[in-house]
């Protein structure tokens, strides 16, 4: 068996060969703020509990609320995922 090769650390690569994590959040502090906002908005789904079958309008409103929350949290979780994968 040959020698095991190792991957270079992210800091050793030219910036052009790394993902642009800063396009999601400029800093960890900005990410933390977005995470806190997303967690606070999770309660926005509670008013729909037990009411989804009440009418099509209520169901639509619940789905739109859920979709908006999902879009906001996707960015937060993507940033986390990329940070975990860095030099992993």
PDB file of N, CA and C in Angstrom:
ATOM      1  N   UNK A   1       0.839  -1.174   0.000  1.00  0.00           N
ATOM      2  CA  UNK A   1       0.000   0.000   0.000  1.00  0.00           C
ATOM      3  C   UNK A   1       0.883   1.236   0.000  1.00  0.00           C
ATOM      4  N   UNK A   2       0.441   2.240  -0.741  1.00  0.00           N
ATOM      5  CA  UNK A   2       1.183   3.489  -0.810  1.00  0.00           C
ATOM      6  C   UNK A   2       0.899   4.363   0.391  1.00  0.00           C
ATOM      7  N   UNK A   3       1.633   5.443   0.464  1.00  0.00           N
ATOM      8  CA  UNK A   3       1.436   6.389   1.561  1.00  0.00           C
ATOM      9  C   UNK A   3       0.061   7.032   1.450  1.00  0.00           C
ATOM     10  N   UNK A   4      -0.535   7.231   2.579  1.00  0.00           N
ATOM     11  CA  UNK A   4      -1.859   7.835   2.606  1.00  0.00           C
ATOM     12  C   UNK A   4      -1.725   9.338   2.350  1.00  0.00           C
ATOM     13  N   UNK A   5      -2.487   9.829   1.404  1.00  0.00           N
ATOM     14  CA  UNK A   5      -2.435  11.271   1.145  1.00  0.00           C
ATOM     15  C   UNK A   5      -3.431  11.980   2.059  1.00  0.00           C
ATOM     16  N   UNK A   6      -3.109  13.207   2.378  1.00  0.00           N
ATOM     17  CA  UNK A   6      -4.003  13.992   3.222  1.00  0.00           C
ATOM     18  C   UNK A   6      -4.475  15.201   2.451  1.00  0.00           C
ATOM     19  N   UNK A   7      -5.641  15.640   2.780  1.00  0.00           N
ATOM     20  CA  UNK A   7      -6.193  16.830   2.144  1.00  0.00           C
ATOM     21  C   UNK A   7      -5.615  18.072   2.800  1.00  0.00           C
ATOM     22  N   UNK A   8      -5.397  19.102   2.016  1.00  0.00           N
ATOM     23  CA  UNK A   8      -4.910  20.347   2.624  1.00  0.00           C
ATOM     24  C   UNK A   8      -5.997  20.993   3.467  1.00  0.00           C
ATOM     25  N   UNK A   9      -5.581  21.740   4.450  1.00  0.00           N
ATOM     26  CA  UNK A   9      -6.541  22.488   5.258  1.00  0.00           C
ATOM     27  C   UNK A   9      -7.134  23.614   4.412  1.00  0.00           C
ATOM     28  N   UNK A  10      -8.330  24.026   4.767  1.00  0.00           N
ATOM     29  CA  UNK A  10      -9.002  25.096   4.022  1.00  0.00           C
ATOM     30  C   UNK A  10      -8.142  26.351   3.987  1.00  0.00           C
ATOM     31  N   UNK A  11      -7.457  26.639   5.069  1.00  0.00           N
ATOM     32  CA  UNK A  11      -6.626  27.847   5.140  1.00  0.00           C
ATOM     33  C   UNK A  11      -5.417  27.771   4.214  1.00  0.00           C
ATOM     34  N   UNK A  12      -5.073  26.571   3.759  1.00  0.00           N
ATOM     35  CA  UNK A  12      -3.935  26.391   2.863  1.00  0.00           C
ATOM     36  C   UNK A  12      -4.319  26.507   1.388  1.00  0.00           C
ATOM     37  N   UNK A  13      -5.595  26.544   1.101  1.00  0.00           N
ATOM     38  CA  UNK A  13      -6.073  26.607  -0.286  1.00  0.00           C
ATOM     39  C   UNK A  13      -6.301  28.045  -0.727  1.00  0.00           C
ATOM     40  N   UNK A  14      -6.172  28.289  -2.035  1.00  0.00           N
ATOM     41  CA  UNK A  14      -6.547  29.618  -2.541  1.00  0.00           C
ATOM     42  C   UNK A  14      -8.042  29.836  -2.301  1.00  0.00           C
ATOM     43  N   UNK A  15      -8.414  31.040  -1.966  1.00  0.00           N
ATOM     44  CA  UNK A  15      -9.820  31.373  -1.676  1.00  0.00           C
ATOM     45  C   UNK A  15     -10.743  30.936  -2.815  1.00  0.00           C
ATOM     46  N   UNK A  16     -10.250  30.993  -4.051  1.00  0.00           N
ATOM     47  CA  UNK A  16     -11.066  30.618  -5.212  1.00  0.00           C
ATOM     48  C   UNK A  16     -11.430  29.134  -5.228  1.00  0.00           C
ATOM     49  N   UNK A  17     -10.748  28.310  -4.409  1.00  0.00           N
ATOM     50  CA  UNK A  17     -11.024  26.881  -4.367  1.00  0.00           C
ATOM     51  C   UNK A  17     -11.826  26.475  -3.120  1.00  0.00           C
ATOM     52  N   UNK A  18     -12.365  27.448  -2.428  1.00  0.00           N
ATOM     53  CA  UNK A  18     -13.171  27.159  -1.246  1.00  0.00           C
ATOM     54  C   UNK A  18     -14.579  27.703  -1.464  1.00  0.00           C
ATOM     55  N   UNK A  19     -15.547  27.154  -0.719  1.00  0.00           N
ATOM     56  CA  UNK A  19     -16.893  27.701  -0.818  1.00  0.00           C
ATOM     57  C   UNK A  19     -16.933  29.042  -0.111  1.00  0.00           C
ATOM     58  N   UNK A  20     -17.813  29.876  -0.560  1.00  0.00           N
ATOM     59  CA  UNK A  20     -17.927  31.232  -0.026  1.00  0.00           C
ATOM     60  C   UNK A  20     -18.958  31.239   1.103  1.00  0.00           C
ATOM     61  N   UNK A  21     -18.532  30.770   2.253  1.00  0.00           N
ATOM     62  CA  UNK A  21     -19.440  30.676   3.399  1.00  0.00           C
ATOM     63  C   UNK A  21     -19.916  32.060   3.843  1.00  0.00           C
ATOM     64  N   UNK A  22     -19.102  33.065   3.576  1.00  0.00           N
ATOM     65  CA  UNK A  22     -19.475  34.434   3.950  1.00  0.00           C
ATOM     66  C   UNK A  22     -20.671  34.951   3.149  1.00  0.00           C
ATOM     67  N   UNK A  23     -20.999  34.284   2.043  1.00  0.00           N
ATOM     68  CA  UNK A  23     -22.177  34.700   1.282  1.00  0.00           C
ATOM     69  C   UNK A  23     -23.457  34.353   2.033  1.00  0.00           C
ATOM     70  N   UNK A  24     -23.367  33.414   2.978  1.00  0.00           N
ATOM     71  CA  UNK A  24     -24.516  33.076   3.814  1.00  0.00           C
ATOM     72  C   UNK A  24     -24.607  34.031   5.002  1.00  0.00           C
ATOM     73  N   UNK A  25     -23.518  34.130   5.749  1.00  0.00           N
ATOM     74  CA  UNK A  25     -23.431  35.051   6.892  1.00  0.00           C
ATOM     75  C   UNK A  25     -22.010  35.586   6.949  1.00  0.00           C
ATOM     76  N   UNK A  26     -21.878  36.869   7.155  1.00  0.00           N
ATOM     77  CA  UNK A  26     -20.559  37.500   7.172  1.00  0.00           C
ATOM     78  C   UNK A  26     -19.740  37.095   8.397  1.00  0.00           C
ATOM     79  N   UNK A  27     -20.411  36.670   9.460  1.00  0.00           N
ATOM     80  CA  UNK A  27     -19.701  36.313  10.690  1.00  0.00           C
ATOM     81  C   UNK A  27     -20.524  35.309  11.485  1.00  0.00           C
ATOM     82  N   UNK A  28     -19.858  34.694  12.460  1.00  0.00           N
ATOM     83  CA  UNK A  28     -20.572  33.771  13.348  1.00  0.00           C
ATOM     84  C   UNK A  28     -21.621  34.515  14.170  1.00  0.00           C
ATOM     85  N   UNK A  29     -21.335  35.766  14.510  1.00  0.00           N
ATOM     86  CA  UNK A  29     -22.296  36.566  15.285  1.00  0.00           C
ATOM     87  C   UNK A  29     -23.566  36.811  14.477  1.00  0.00           C
ATOM     88  N   UNK A  30     -23.410  37.077  13.186  1.00  0.00           N
ATOM     89  CA  UNK A  30     -24.583  37.281  12.317  1.00  0.00           C
ATOM     90  C   UNK A  30     -25.382  35.986  12.213  1.00  0.00           C
ATOM     91  N   UNK A  31     -24.681  34.848  12.091  1.00  0.00           N
ATOM     92  CA  UNK A  31     -25.352  33.547  12.053  1.00  0.00           C
ATOM     93  C   UNK A  31     -26.120  33.297  13.349  1.00  0.00           C
ATOM     94  N   UNK A  32     -25.478  33.590  14.494  1.00  0.00           N
ATOM     95  CA  UNK A  32     -26.123  33.342  15.786  1.00  0.00           C
ATOM     96  C   UNK A  32     -27.399  34.163  15.917  1.00  0.00           C
ATOM     97  N   UNK A  33     -27.360  35.392  15.444  1.00  0.00           N
ATOM     98  CA  UNK A  33     -28.545  36.245  15.486  1.00  0.00           C
ATOM     99  C   UNK A  33     -29.666  35.645  14.629  1.00  0.00           C
ATOM    100  N   UNK A  34     -29.323  35.163  13.447  1.00  0.00           N
ATOM    101  CA  UNK A  34     -30.320  34.550  12.559  1.00  0.00           C
ATOM    102  C   UNK A  34     -30.885  33.273  13.175  1.00  0.00           C
ATOM    103  N   UNK A  35     -30.036  32.498  13.843  1.00  0.00           N
ATOM    104  CA  UNK A  35     -30.495  31.285  14.517  1.00  0.00           C
ATOM    105  C   UNK A  35     -31.493  31.633  15.619  1.00  0.00           C
ATOM    106  N   UNK A  36     -31.171  32.624  16.425  1.00  0.00           N
ATOM    107  CA  UNK A  36     -32.066  33.037  17.507  1.00  0.00           C
ATOM    108  C   UNK A  36     -33.410  33.521  16.956  1.00  0.00           C
ATOM    109  N   UNK A  37     -33.376  34.252  15.843  1.00  0.00           N
ATOM    110  CA  UNK A  37     -34.618  34.727  15.223  1.00  0.00           C
ATOM    111  C   UNK A  37     -35.446  33.554  14.707  1.00  0.00           C
ATOM    112  N   UNK A  38     -34.777  32.594  14.085  1.00  0.00           N
ATOM    113  CA  UNK A  38     -35.493  31.427  13.553  1.00  0.00           C
ATOM    114  C   UNK A  38     -36.132  30.619  14.677  1.00  0.00           C
ATOM    115  N   UNK A  39     -35.402  30.429  15.759  1.00  0.00           N
ATOM    116  CA  UNK A  39     -35.958  29.692  16.897  1.00  0.00           C
ATOM    117  C   UNK A  39     -37.162  30.418  17.488  1.00  0.00           C
ATOM    118  N   UNK A  40     -37.092  31.734  17.549  1.00  0.00           N
ATOM    119  CA  UNK A  40     -38.206  32.521  18.076  1.00  0.00           C
ATOM    120  C   UNK A  40     -39.432  32.415  17.161  1.00  0.00           C
ATOM    121  N   UNK A  41     -39.200  32.308  15.862  1.00  0.00           N
ATOM    122  CA  UNK A  41     -40.311  32.233  14.905  1.00  0.00           C
ATOM    123  C   UNK A  41     -40.951  30.851  14.849  1.00  0.00           C
ATOM    124  N   UNK A  42     -40.306  29.860  15.436  1.00  0.00           N
ATOM    125  CA  UNK A  42     -40.882  28.510  15.424  1.00  0.00           C
ATOM    126  C   UNK A  42     -42.251  28.506  16.084  1.00  0.00           C
ATOM    127  N   UNK A  43     -42.444  29.386  17.038  1.00  0.00           N
ATOM    128  CA  UNK A  43     -43.745  29.481  17.711  1.00  0.00           C
ATOM    129  C   UNK A  43     -44.846  29.988  16.788  1.00  0.00           C
ATOM    130  N   UNK A  44     -44.466  30.523  15.626  1.00  0.00           N
ATOM    131  CA  UNK A  44     -45.472  31.038  14.699  1.00  0.00           C
ATOM    132  C   UNK A  44     -46.356  29.928  14.137  1.00  0.00           C
ATOM    133  N   UNK A  45     -45.961  28.680  14.318  1.00  0.00           N
ATOM    134  CA  UNK A  45     -46.775  27.555  13.847  1.00  0.00           C
ATOM    135  C   UNK A  45     -47.799  27.083  14.884  1.00  0.00           C
ATOM    136  N   UNK A  46     -47.596  27.437  16.135  1.00  0.00           N
ATOM    137  CA  UNK A  46     -48.490  26.965  17.200  1.00  0.00           C
ATOM    138  C   UNK A  46     -49.958  27.335  17.000  1.00  0.00           C
ATOM    139  N   UNK A  47     -50.277  28.532  16.509  1.00  0.00           N
ATOM    140  CA  UNK A  47     -51.699  28.873  16.343  1.00  0.00           C
ATOM    141  C   UNK A  47     -52.454  27.953  15.381  1.00  0.00           C
ATOM    142  N   UNK A  48     -51.739  27.185  14.572  1.00  0.00           N
ATOM    143  CA  UNK A  48     -52.388  26.304  13.600  1.00  0.00           C
ATOM    144  C   UNK A  48     -52.623  24.902  14.146  1.00  0.00           C
ATOM    145  N   UNK A  49     -52.069  24.609  15.316  1.00  0.00           N
ATOM    146  CA  UNK A  49     -52.212  23.287  15.901  1.00  0.00           C
ATOM    147  C   UNK A  49     -53.693  22.954  16.108  1.00  0.00           C
ATOM    148  N   UNK A  50     -54.107  21.836  15.542  1.00  0.00           N
ATOM    149  CA  UNK A  50     -55.485  21.375  15.664  1.00  0.00           C
ATOM    150  C   UNK A  50     -56.478  22.116  14.785  1.00  0.00           C
ATOM    151  N   UNK A  51     -55.998  23.006  13.918  1.00  0.00           N
ATOM    152  CA  UNK A  51     -56.903  23.815  13.087  1.00  0.00           C
ATOM    153  C   UNK A  51     -56.733  23.596  11.584  1.00  0.00           C
ATOM    154  N   UNK A  52     -55.837  22.720  11.159  1.00  0.00           N
ATOM    155  CA  UNK A  52     -55.537  22.580   9.738  1.00  0.00           C
ATOM    156  C   UNK A  52     -56.749  22.140   8.913  1.00  0.00           C
ATOM    157  N   UNK A  53     -57.647  21.380   9.497  1.00  0.00           N
ATOM    158  CA  UNK A  53     -58.834  20.931   8.788  1.00  0.00           C
ATOM    159  C   UNK A  53     -59.991  21.914   8.858  1.00  0.00           C
ATOM    160  N   UNK A  54     -59.784  23.027   9.513  1.00  0.00           N
ATOM    161  CA  UNK A  54     -60.857  24.014   9.705  1.00  0.00           C
ATOM    162  C   UNK A  54     -61.310  24.614   8.376  1.00  0.00           C
ATOM    163  N   UNK A  55     -60.358  24.966   7.515  1.00  0.00           N
ATOM    164  CA  UNK A  55     -60.708  25.513   6.201  1.00  0.00           C
ATOM    165  C   UNK A  55     -59.474  25.499   5.313  1.00  0.00           C
ATOM    166  N   UNK A  56     -59.708  25.651   4.037  1.00  0.00           N
ATOM    167  CA  UNK A  56     -58.605  25.733   3.088  1.00  0.00           C
ATOM    168  C   UNK A  56     -57.740  26.948   3.343  1.00  0.00           C
ATOM    169  N   UNK A  57     -58.355  28.050   3.765  1.00  0.00           N
ATOM    170  CA  UNK A  57     -57.606  29.279   4.033  1.00  0.00           C
ATOM    171  C   UNK A  57     -56.645  29.101   5.209  1.00  0.00           C
ATOM    172  N   UNK A  58     -57.104  28.413   6.250  1.00  0.00           N
ATOM    173  CA  UNK A  58     -56.249  28.167   7.418  1.00  0.00           C
ATOM    174  C   UNK A  58     -55.091  27.248   7.012  1.00  0.00           C
ATOM    175  N   UNK A  59     -55.400  26.211   6.242  1.00  0.00           N
ATOM    176  CA  UNK A  59     -54.348  25.298   5.789  1.00  0.00           C
ATOM    177  C   UNK A  59     -53.320  26.048   4.943  1.00  0.00           C
ATOM    178  N   UNK A  60     -53.783  26.872   4.027  1.00  0.00           N
ATOM    179  CA  UNK A  60     -52.876  27.650   3.183  1.00  0.00           C
ATOM    180  C   UNK A  60     -51.999  28.569   4.027  1.00  0.00           C
ATOM    181  N   UNK A  61     -52.589  29.246   4.964  1.00  0.00           N
ATOM    182  CA  UNK A  61     -51.829  30.147   5.824  1.00  0.00           C
ATOM    183  C   UNK A  61     -50.773  29.367   6.626  1.00  0.00           C
ATOM    184  N   UNK A  62     -51.133  28.200   7.122  1.00  0.00           N
ATOM    185  CA  UNK A  62     -50.188  27.363   7.872  1.00  0.00           C
ATOM    186  C   UNK A  62     -49.047  26.909   6.977  1.00  0.00           C
ATOM    187  N   UNK A  63     -49.355  26.482   5.776  1.00  0.00           N
ATOM    188  CA  UNK A  63     -48.319  26.033   4.845  1.00  0.00           C
ATOM    189  C   UNK A  63     -47.386  27.168   4.445  1.00  0.00           C
ATOM    190  N   UNK A  64     -47.942  28.350   4.231  1.00  0.00           N
ATOM    191  CA  UNK A  64     -47.109  29.508   3.892  1.00  0.00           C
ATOM    192  C   UNK A  64     -46.207  29.896   5.060  1.00  0.00           C
ATOM    193  N   UNK A  65     -46.728  29.846   6.261  1.00  0.00           N
ATOM    194  CA  UNK A  65     -45.938  30.150   7.456  1.00  0.00           C
ATOM    195  C   UNK A  65     -44.815  29.137   7.606  1.00  0.00           C
ATOM    196  N   UNK A  66     -45.128  27.869   7.438  1.00  0.00           N
ATOM    197  CA  UNK A  66     -44.132  26.797   7.530  1.00  0.00           C
ATOM    198  C   UNK A  66     -43.055  26.955   6.453  1.00  0.00           C
ATOM    199  N   UNK A  67     -43.469  27.262   5.228  1.00  0.00           N
ATOM    200  CA  UNK A  67     -42.517  27.412   4.122  1.00  0.00           C
ATOM    201  C   UNK A  67     -41.566  28.585   4.373  1.00  0.00           C
ATOM    202  N   UNK A  68     -42.081  29.700   4.845  1.00  0.00           N
ATOM    203  CA  UNK A  68     -41.232  30.857   5.133  1.00  0.00           C
ATOM    204  C   UNK A  68     -40.229  30.536   6.239  1.00  0.00           C
ATOM    205  N   UNK A  69     -40.671  29.836   7.254  1.00  0.00           N
ATOM    206  CA  UNK A  69     -39.782  29.430   8.339  1.00  0.00           C
ATOM    207  C   UNK A  69     -38.713  28.470   7.825  1.00  0.00           C
ATOM    208  N   UNK A  70     -39.111  27.568   6.969  1.00  0.00           N
ATOM    209  CA  UNK A  70     -38.180  26.602   6.383  1.00  0.00           C
ATOM    210  C   UNK A  70     -37.089  27.288   5.566  1.00  0.00           C
ATOM    211  N   UNK A  71     -37.458  28.295   4.799  1.00  0.00           N
ATOM    212  CA  UNK A  71     -36.494  29.031   3.983  1.00  0.00           C
ATOM    213  C   UNK A  71     -35.483  29.742   4.882  1.00  0.00           C
ATOM    214  N   UNK A  72     -35.966  30.368   5.938  1.00  0.00           N
ATOM    215  CA  UNK A  72     -35.075  31.073   6.864  1.00  0.00           C
ATOM    216  C   UNK A  72     -34.120  30.115   7.573  1.00  0.00           C
ATOM    217  N   UNK A  73     -34.635  28.983   8.011  1.00  0.00           N
ATOM    218  CA  UNK A  73     -33.785  28.048   8.752  1.00  0.00           C
ATOM    219  C   UNK A  73     -32.819  27.299   7.839  1.00  0.00           C
ATOM    220  N   UNK A  74     -33.141  27.144   6.575  1.00  0.00           N
ATOM    221  CA  UNK A  74     -32.251  26.437   5.649  1.00  0.00           C
ATOM    222  C   UNK A  74     -30.894  27.130   5.576  1.00  0.00           C
ATOM    223  N   UNK A  75     -30.907  28.444   5.511  1.00  0.00           N
ATOM    224  CA  UNK A  75     -29.663  29.211   5.444  1.00  0.00           C
ATOM    225  C   UNK A  75     -28.849  29.029   6.725  1.00  0.00           C
ATOM    226  N   UNK A  76     -29.515  29.037   7.866  1.00  0.00           N
ATOM    227  CA  UNK A  76     -28.842  28.849   9.158  1.00  0.00           C
ATOM    228  C   UNK A  76     -28.205  27.464   9.220  1.00  0.00           C
ATOM    229  N   UNK A  77     -28.938  26.438   8.823  1.00  0.00           N
ATOM    230  CA  UNK A  77     -28.415  25.076   8.891  1.00  0.00           C
ATOM    231  C   UNK A  77     -27.340  24.814   7.839  1.00  0.00           C
ATOM    232  N   UNK A  78     -27.440  25.446   6.675  1.00  0.00           N
ATOM    233  CA  UNK A  78     -26.414  25.283   5.645  1.00  0.00           C
ATOM    234  C   UNK A  78     -25.081  25.844   6.128  1.00  0.00           C
ATOM    235  N   UNK A  79     -25.115  27.000   6.753  1.00  0.00           N
ATOM    236  CA  UNK A  79     -23.908  27.611   7.302  1.00  0.00           C
ATOM    237  C   UNK A  79     -23.273  26.682   8.338  1.00  0.00           C
ATOM    238  N   UNK A  80     -24.097  26.119   9.201  1.00  0.00           N
ATOM    239  CA  UNK A  80     -23.611  25.187  10.215  1.00  0.00           C
ATOM    240  C   UNK A  80     -22.979  23.958   9.567  1.00  0.00           C
ATOM    241  N   UNK A  81     -23.653  23.405   8.596  1.00  0.00           N
ATOM    242  CA  UNK A  81     -23.172  22.217   7.917  1.00  0.00           C
ATOM    243  C   UNK A  81     -21.822  22.456   7.231  1.00  0.00           C
ATOM    244  N   UNK A  82     -21.692  23.582   6.551  1.00  0.00           N
ATOM    245  CA  UNK A  82     -20.432  23.894   5.887  1.00  0.00           C
ATOM    246  C   UNK A  82     -19.311  24.112   6.892  1.00  0.00           C
ATOM    247  N   UNK A  83     -19.621  24.733   8.005  1.00  0.00           N
ATOM    248  CA  UNK A  83     -18.597  24.934   9.035  1.00  0.00           C
ATOM    249  C   UNK A  83     -18.136  23.599   9.627  1.00  0.00           C
ATOM    250  N   UNK A  84     -19.057  22.686   9.824  1.00  0.00           N
ATOM    251  CA  UNK A  84     -18.703  21.367  10.358  1.00  0.00           C
ATOM    252  C   UNK A  84     -17.851  20.604   9.351  1.00  0.00           C
ATOM    253  N   UNK A  85     -18.157  20.741   8.073  1.00  0.00           N
ATOM    254  CA  UNK A  85     -17.440  20.003   7.028  1.00  0.00           C
ATOM    255  C   UNK A  85     -16.055  20.578   6.748  1.00  0.00           C
ATOM    256  N   UNK A  86     -15.815  21.821   7.137  1.00  0.00           N
ATOM    257  CA  UNK A  86     -14.517  22.450   6.889  1.00  0.00           C
ATOM    258  C   UNK A  86     -13.430  21.689   7.644  1.00  0.00           C
ATOM    259  N   UNK A  87     -12.442  21.263   6.908  1.00  0.00           N
ATOM    260  CA  UNK A  87     -11.310  20.514   7.467  1.00  0.00           C
ATOM    261  C   UNK A  87     -11.762  19.278   8.229  1.00  0.00           C
ATOM    262  N   UNK A  88     -12.930  18.749   7.883  1.00  0.00           N
ATOM    263  CA  UNK A  88     -13.445  17.574   8.563  1.00  0.00           C
ATOM    264  C   UNK A  88     -12.952  16.340   7.903  1.00  0.00           C
TER     265      UNK A  88
END
